N, C-alpha and C. Protein backbone atom coordinates (compact mmCIF):
# COMPACT_ATOMS: atom_id res chain seq x y z
N CYS A 1 6.06 14.01 17.70
CA CYS A 1 5.70 14.95 16.36
C CYS A 1 6.29 16.30 17.98
N PRO A 2 6.97 17.57 16.68
CA PRO A 2 7.27 18.52 17.69
C PRO A 2 5.53 19.59 17.37
N VAL A 3 4.88 19.90 18.36
CA VAL A 3 4.13 20.80 17.85
C VAL A 3 3.78 22.14 19.08
N GLU A 4 4.84 22.69 19.09
CA GLU A 4 4.94 23.91 19.22
C GLU A 4 4.69 25.10 17.91
N ASN A 5 5.45 24.77 17.09
CA ASN A 5 4.70 25.66 15.43
C ASN A 5 3.95 25.10 15.15
N GLU A 6 2.79 24.11 15.04
CA GLU A 6 2.35 23.21 14.34
C GLU A 6 1.47 23.61 14.14
N LYS A 7 0.47 24.12 12.88
CA LYS A 7 -0.62 24.85 13.07
C LYS A 7 -1.60 23.84 12.27
N ARG A 8 -1.12 22.91 11.62
CA ARG A 8 -2.09 21.48 11.53
C ARG A 8 -2.32 20.73 12.27
N MET A 9 -3.67 19.48 11.81
CA MET A 9 -3.63 19.18 12.29
C MET A 9 -2.82 17.14 12.47
N LEU A 10 -2.66 16.89 13.21
CA LEU A 10 -1.49 15.82 12.89
C LEU A 10 -2.50 14.77 13.04
N VAL A 11 -2.49 13.61 12.27
CA VAL A 11 -3.51 12.49 12.52
C VAL A 11 -1.94 11.33 12.46
N SER A 12 -2.67 10.41 12.84
CA SER A 12 -1.46 8.85 11.98
C SER A 12 -2.62 8.33 13.22
N LEU A 13 -2.67 7.30 12.14
CA LEU A 13 -3.19 6.12 12.02
C LEU A 13 -2.65 4.40 11.70
N ASP A 14 -2.92 3.59 13.27
CA ASP A 14 -2.22 1.97 13.86
C ASP A 14 -3.36 1.46 12.26
N LEU A 15 -2.71 0.87 11.34
CA LEU A 15 -3.39 -0.25 10.33
C LEU A 15 -2.53 -1.82 10.30
N ARG A 16 -2.11 -2.03 11.23
CA ARG A 16 -1.45 -3.19 12.35
C ARG A 16 -2.34 -3.94 12.16
N GLN A 17 -3.34 -4.05 12.05
CA GLN A 17 -4.21 -5.45 12.19
C GLN A 17 -5.05 -5.84 10.92
N MET A 18 -5.24 -4.34 10.18
CA MET A 18 -6.57 -4.38 8.78
C MET A 18 -4.72 -4.95 7.07
N ASN A 19 -4.25 -6.39 7.66
CA ASN A 19 -2.96 -6.15 7.32
C ASN A 19 -3.63 -8.32 5.89
N ARG A 20 -4.80 -8.16 5.91
CA ARG A 20 -4.92 -9.43 5.30
C ARG A 20 -4.81 -9.30 3.57
N ILE A 21 -4.46 -10.41 3.11
CA ILE A 21 -4.94 -10.49 1.48
C ILE A 21 -5.85 -11.29 1.19
N LEU A 22 -7.47 -10.05 1.14
CA LEU A 22 -8.55 -10.87 0.91
C LEU A 22 -8.91 -11.11 -0.57
N SER A 23 -8.43 -11.62 -1.60
CA SER A 23 -8.37 -12.04 -2.44
C SER A 23 -7.26 -11.55 -3.86
N LEU A 24 -7.25 -12.87 -4.90
CA LEU A 24 -6.60 -12.77 -5.89
C LEU A 24 -7.55 -13.76 -7.48
N SER A 25 -7.20 -12.60 -7.81
CA SER A 25 -7.61 -13.01 -9.16
C SER A 25 -6.24 -13.19 -10.18
N LYS A 26 -6.66 -14.23 -10.00
CA LYS A 26 -5.54 -14.89 -11.59
C LYS A 26 -5.60 -14.76 -12.91
N GLU A 27 -6.83 -14.59 -12.82
CA GLU A 27 -7.38 -15.17 -14.11
C GLU A 27 -7.55 -13.07 -15.03
N ASN A 28 -7.59 -11.89 -14.07
CA ASN A 28 -7.51 -10.97 -13.22
C ASN A 28 -6.82 -9.61 -13.90
N MET A 29 -6.26 -10.80 -13.15
CA MET A 29 -4.68 -10.02 -12.60
C MET A 29 -4.80 -9.00 -11.40
N TYR A 30 -5.37 -8.94 -10.43
CA TYR A 30 -5.35 -8.42 -9.23
C TYR A 30 -5.77 -8.58 -7.98
N VAL A 31 -5.10 -8.24 -7.21
CA VAL A 31 -5.17 -8.86 -5.27
C VAL A 31 -6.18 -7.24 -4.86
N VAL A 32 -6.56 -7.81 -3.82
CA VAL A 32 -7.74 -6.82 -2.77
C VAL A 32 -7.25 -7.37 -1.62
N VAL A 33 -6.65 -6.24 -1.08
CA VAL A 33 -5.53 -6.02 0.30
C VAL A 33 -6.51 -5.44 1.00
N GLU A 34 -6.24 -5.63 2.02
CA GLU A 34 -6.84 -4.22 3.71
C GLU A 34 -5.47 -3.49 3.37
N ALA A 35 -5.71 -1.75 3.69
CA ALA A 35 -4.67 -0.53 3.96
C ALA A 35 -3.44 -1.39 4.37
N GLY A 36 -3.58 -2.07 5.85
CA GLY A 36 -2.68 -1.87 6.47
C GLY A 36 -1.25 -3.45 6.32
N THR A 37 -1.53 -3.55 5.02
CA THR A 37 -1.13 -5.10 5.01
C THR A 37 0.55 -4.66 3.87
N VAL A 38 1.85 -4.50 4.98
CA VAL A 38 2.92 -4.51 4.72
C VAL A 38 3.03 -4.89 2.94
N ALA A 39 4.06 -3.91 2.18
CA ALA A 39 4.21 -3.83 1.10
C ALA A 39 5.55 -5.35 0.74
N GLN A 40 5.40 -5.47 1.77
CA GLN A 40 7.23 -6.69 1.41
C GLN A 40 5.86 -8.27 1.74
N ASP A 41 5.36 -7.93 2.81
CA ASP A 41 5.01 -9.28 3.64
C ASP A 41 3.81 -9.27 1.57
N LEU A 42 3.15 -8.37 1.20
CA LEU A 42 2.68 -8.78 -0.25
C LEU A 42 2.71 -9.38 -1.25
N GLU A 43 4.53 -8.65 -1.60
CA GLU A 43 5.21 -8.89 -1.88
C GLU A 43 5.08 -10.71 -1.96
N LYS A 44 5.71 -11.55 -1.01
CA LYS A 44 6.20 -12.65 -1.08
C LYS A 44 4.97 -13.63 -1.44
N GLU A 45 3.87 -12.76 -0.77
CA GLU A 45 2.79 -14.06 -1.26
C GLU A 45 2.23 -13.84 -2.78
N LEU A 46 2.61 -12.02 -2.91
CA LEU A 46 2.15 -12.59 -4.59
C LEU A 46 3.25 -13.40 -5.65
N ARG A 47 4.25 -13.56 -5.00
CA ARG A 47 5.56 -14.17 -5.56
C ARG A 47 5.64 -15.77 -6.22
N LYS A 48 4.69 -16.20 -4.83
CA LYS A 48 4.21 -17.57 -5.00
C LYS A 48 3.42 -17.59 -6.05
N TRP A 49 2.14 -16.85 -6.01
CA TRP A 49 1.93 -17.31 -7.43
C TRP A 49 1.96 -17.35 -8.75
N GLY A 50 3.48 -16.48 -8.35
CA GLY A 50 4.11 -16.28 -9.66
C GLY A 50 3.00 -14.43 -10.37
N PHE A 51 3.63 -13.49 -9.56
CA PHE A 51 3.18 -12.29 -9.59
C PHE A 51 4.22 -11.66 -9.44
N THR A 52 3.84 -9.83 -9.13
CA THR A 52 4.96 -9.13 -8.51
C THR A 52 4.41 -7.87 -7.80
N LEU A 53 3.86 -7.29 -7.19
CA LEU A 53 3.76 -5.26 -7.05
C LEU A 53 5.12 -5.06 -8.51
N GLY A 54 6.26 -4.81 -8.52
CA GLY A 54 6.66 -4.65 -9.02
C GLY A 54 7.83 -3.16 -9.06
N TRP A 55 8.03 -3.00 -7.39
CA TRP A 55 7.69 -1.92 -6.65
C TRP A 55 9.71 -2.72 -5.86
N ASP A 56 10.54 -1.82 -6.08
CA ASP A 56 12.03 -1.48 -5.43
C ASP A 56 11.65 -2.53 -4.10
N ALA A 57 12.29 -3.65 -3.83
CA ALA A 57 12.70 -4.42 -2.82
C ALA A 57 13.12 -3.94 -1.61
N GLU A 58 14.19 -3.07 -1.46
CA GLU A 58 14.33 -2.38 -0.55
C GLU A 58 13.61 -1.13 0.12
N MET A 59 12.76 -0.89 -0.51
CA MET A 59 11.67 0.26 0.91
C MET A 59 10.52 -0.69 1.39
N LEU A 60 10.25 -1.96 0.72
CA LEU A 60 9.21 -2.53 0.83
C LEU A 60 8.68 -2.99 2.07
N GLU A 61 9.67 -3.17 2.98
CA GLU A 61 9.86 -3.90 4.41
C GLU A 61 9.08 -2.41 5.25
N PHE A 62 9.47 -1.74 4.92
CA PHE A 62 8.22 -0.10 5.60
C PHE A 62 7.45 0.37 5.35
N CYS A 63 7.02 -0.29 4.59
CA CYS A 63 5.69 0.43 3.55
C CYS A 63 4.73 -0.47 4.08
N THR A 64 3.45 0.18 4.04
CA THR A 64 1.65 -0.68 3.94
C THR A 64 1.59 0.18 2.91
N VAL A 65 0.26 -0.82 2.15
CA VAL A 65 0.04 -0.92 0.97
C VAL A 65 -0.66 0.75 0.98
N GLY A 66 -1.39 0.63 2.22
CA GLY A 66 -3.12 2.21 2.24
C GLY A 66 -1.87 3.46 2.23
N GLY A 67 -0.63 2.96 3.38
CA GLY A 67 0.60 4.76 3.13
C GLY A 67 0.74 4.69 1.98
N ILE A 68 1.38 3.77 0.88
CA ILE A 68 1.97 4.42 -0.09
C ILE A 68 0.96 4.88 -0.85
N ALA A 69 -0.59 5.14 -0.82
CA ALA A 69 -1.37 5.12 -1.42
C ALA A 69 -1.84 6.41 -1.40
N SER A 70 -2.19 6.30 -0.11
CA SER A 70 -2.33 7.98 1.28
C SER A 70 -1.48 8.64 0.19
N LEU A 71 -0.61 8.76 0.23
CA LEU A 71 0.74 9.47 0.10
C LEU A 71 1.26 9.44 -1.74
N ARG A 72 0.38 8.47 -2.54
CA ARG A 72 -0.04 8.76 -3.65
C ARG A 72 2.24 9.02 -4.55
N SER A 73 2.69 8.02 -3.79
CA SER A 73 4.03 7.65 -3.92
C SER A 73 4.80 7.18 -4.94
N ASN A 74 4.43 8.18 -5.90
CA ASN A 74 4.86 7.72 -7.15
C ASN A 74 6.47 7.48 -7.41
N ASP A 75 7.06 8.00 -6.49
CA ASP A 75 9.22 8.04 -6.36
C ASP A 75 9.23 6.82 -6.38
N ILE A 76 8.41 6.05 -5.45
CA ILE A 76 9.01 4.95 -5.49
C ILE A 76 9.70 4.50 -6.52
N LYS A 77 11.07 3.78 -6.46
CA LYS A 77 11.76 2.79 -7.20
C LYS A 77 10.91 2.21 -7.84
N ARG A 78 10.60 2.21 -9.07
CA ARG A 78 9.53 1.07 -9.74
C ARG A 78 10.35 0.10 -11.30
N ASN A 79 9.89 -0.97 -10.68
CA ASN A 79 11.36 -1.86 -12.17
C ASN A 79 10.14 -2.03 -13.30
N MET A 80 9.00 -1.89 -13.54
CA MET A 80 7.79 -2.10 -14.73
C MET A 80 6.88 -1.55 -14.19
N ASN A 81 6.46 -1.24 -13.68
CA ASN A 81 4.69 -0.83 -13.83
C ASN A 81 4.45 0.37 -13.69
N GLY A 82 5.31 0.92 -13.74
CA GLY A 82 4.54 2.86 -14.18
C GLY A 82 4.42 3.51 -12.43
N ASP A 83 3.75 4.19 -12.19
CA ASP A 83 3.13 5.30 -11.08
C ASP A 83 2.08 4.37 -10.45
N LEU A 84 2.37 4.36 -9.46
CA LEU A 84 1.37 3.61 -8.27
C LEU A 84 -0.30 4.18 -8.87
N GLU A 85 -0.83 5.07 -9.31
CA GLU A 85 -1.91 5.38 -9.31
C GLU A 85 -2.72 4.94 -10.45
N TYR A 86 -2.07 4.18 -11.21
CA TYR A 86 -2.68 3.74 -12.39
C TYR A 86 -2.68 1.90 -11.92
N SER A 87 -2.23 1.61 -10.99
CA SER A 87 -2.12 0.33 -10.29
C SER A 87 -3.44 0.24 -9.24
N ILE A 88 -4.13 1.30 -9.27
CA ILE A 88 -5.10 0.77 -8.46
C ILE A 88 -6.35 0.99 -9.22
N ILE A 89 -7.06 0.43 -8.41
CA ILE A 89 -8.60 0.34 -9.65
C ILE A 89 -9.66 0.81 -8.78
N ASN A 90 -9.73 0.09 -7.47
CA ASN A 90 -10.80 1.09 -6.66
C ASN A 90 -10.04 0.77 -5.09
N PHE A 91 -10.18 1.86 -4.23
CA PHE A 91 -10.43 1.83 -2.40
C PHE A 91 -11.73 2.06 -1.98
N LYS A 92 -11.35 1.54 -1.08
CA LYS A 92 -13.02 2.17 -0.16
C LYS A 92 -12.48 2.86 1.44
N MET A 93 -12.90 3.93 1.59
CA MET A 93 -12.58 4.62 2.12
C MET A 93 -13.34 4.69 3.37
N VAL A 94 -13.34 5.13 4.85
CA VAL A 94 -14.09 5.24 5.79
C VAL A 94 -13.70 6.74 7.01
N THR A 95 -14.03 7.86 6.85
CA THR A 95 -14.33 8.98 7.23
C THR A 95 -15.45 9.10 7.99
N PRO A 96 -15.02 10.19 9.24
CA PRO A 96 -15.98 10.54 10.51
C PRO A 96 -17.12 11.04 9.73
N THR A 97 -17.69 11.06 8.99
CA THR A 97 -19.05 11.71 8.57
C THR A 97 -19.82 10.63 8.26
């Protein structure tokens, strides 16, 4: 990142080890995942159970669930599920304080 004229603080988080699917409720149709879960990997696992994220496969390879959520990426090409903010039920966030 060029920092010469940058006035904002820049933060980069490595979430690669936070990549587990913690639970899947077939009855209630929800999944609990860690923020570093790559969307493509999650999509593959969900399809084994007959579910889908409903997001366009061409961008799933490069995005984590946490990254998509933090950016409120509503411009994702969606198949059927509407805006991302309506797909999130709950999340936990850790801050320095």
